[in-house]
Amino acid sequence: MTSQTDTQGSVTTVYKVSGMSCGHCEGAVSGEISQLPGVSSVQAVASSGEVTVVSAAPLDEEAVRAAVDEAGFELAGTA
């Protein structure tokens, strides 16, 4: 169920987040996740509920869950 790929020393993981419905939602989720240590890129897409995160190493899912919760949404897992 985890979607992770290593690319040139980085890890890309796609998470499913429920409740996003607009650009503001995308920004809130991206802003919180981007503050996690090692994260270099976050792209949230409200229409699909997917958040693609590029990081230096695999992230702790509980840390991602806490960041998504802080933004007011729910982490449904990885895509």
Protein backbone atom coordinates (compact mmCIF):
# COMPACT_ATOMS: atom_id res chain seq x y z
CA MET A 1 0.00 0.00 0.00
CA THR A 2 3.02 2.29 0.34
CA SER A 3 4.07 4.12 -2.78
CA GLN A 4 7.71 5.01 -2.30
CA THR A 5 10.44 5.36 -4.87
CA ASP A 6 14.06 6.28 -4.33
CA THR A 7 15.33 8.82 -6.84
CA GLN A 8 18.82 10.29 -6.62
CA GLY A 9 18.97 10.12 -2.83
CA SER A 10 15.37 11.15 -2.25
CA VAL A 11 12.16 9.30 -1.46
CA THR A 12 8.80 10.08 -3.07
CA THR A 13 5.69 8.98 -1.18
CA VAL A 14 2.07 9.52 -2.18
CA TYR A 15 -0.39 9.90 0.69
CA LYS A 16 -4.19 9.94 0.59
CA VAL A 17 -5.78 12.80 2.52
CA SER A 18 -9.53 13.07 2.99
CA GLY A 19 -11.43 16.33 3.19
CA MET A 20 -9.46 18.55 0.81
CA SER A 21 -11.76 20.42 -1.56
CA CYS A 22 -9.94 23.53 -2.79
CA GLY A 23 -6.64 25.32 -3.29
CA HIS A 24 -6.72 26.67 0.25
CA CYS A 25 -6.97 23.08 1.53
CA GLU A 26 -4.02 22.08 -0.64
CA GLY A 27 -1.98 24.97 0.72
CA ALA A 28 -2.81 24.16 4.34
CA VAL A 29 -1.79 20.52 3.98
CA SER A 30 1.32 21.34 1.95
CA GLY A 31 2.38 23.99 4.45
CA GLU A 32 2.18 21.67 7.44
CA ILE A 33 3.90 18.70 5.76
CA SER A 34 6.65 20.89 4.30
CA GLN A 35 7.72 21.78 7.87
CA LEU A 36 8.67 18.16 8.61
CA PRO A 37 12.44 17.56 8.71
CA GLY A 38 13.88 16.29 5.43
CA VAL A 39 10.92 17.28 3.23
CA SER A 40 12.04 19.00 0.03
CA SER A 41 8.77 19.11 -1.94
CA VAL A 42 5.03 18.72 -1.32
CA GLN A 43 2.29 18.72 -3.94
CA ALA A 44 -1.31 18.36 -2.77
CA VAL A 45 -4.17 17.79 -5.24
CA ALA A 46 -7.63 18.31 -3.77
CA SER A 47 -9.50 16.64 -6.64
CA SER A 48 -7.74 13.31 -6.13
CA GLY A 49 -6.99 13.66 -2.41
CA GLU A 50 -3.37 12.78 -3.12
CA VAL A 51 -0.37 14.48 -1.56
CA THR A 52 3.01 13.72 -3.12
CA VAL A 53 5.94 14.26 -0.77
CA VAL A 54 9.62 14.19 -1.71
CA SER A 55 11.96 13.77 1.25
CA ALA A 56 15.56 12.90 2.00
CA ALA A 57 14.48 9.67 3.74
CA PRO A 58 11.20 7.85 4.39
CA LEU A 59 9.00 9.88 6.73
CA ASP A 60 7.44 8.61 9.93
CA GLU A 61 3.77 8.13 9.05
CA GLU A 62 2.68 9.35 12.49
CA ALA A 63 4.54 12.63 11.91
CA VAL A 64 2.79 13.03 8.56
CA ARG A 65 -0.54 12.15 10.21
CA ALA A 66 0.05 14.82 12.89
CA ALA A 67 0.91 17.45 10.25
CA VAL A 68 -2.22 16.63 8.21
CA ASP A 69 -4.30 16.71 11.40
CA GLU A 70 -2.84 20.11 12.29
CA ALA A 71 -4.02 21.37 8.88
CA GLY A 72 -7.53 20.14 9.73
CA PHE A 73 -7.67 17.05 7.54
CA GLU A 74 -7.33 13.29 7.90
CA LEU A 75 -4.55 11.08 6.60
CA ALA A 76 -6.19 8.06 5.01
CA GLY A 77 -2.89 6.26 4.37
CA THR A 78 -0.58 5.94 1.40
CA ALA A 79 -1.76 5.64 -2.16
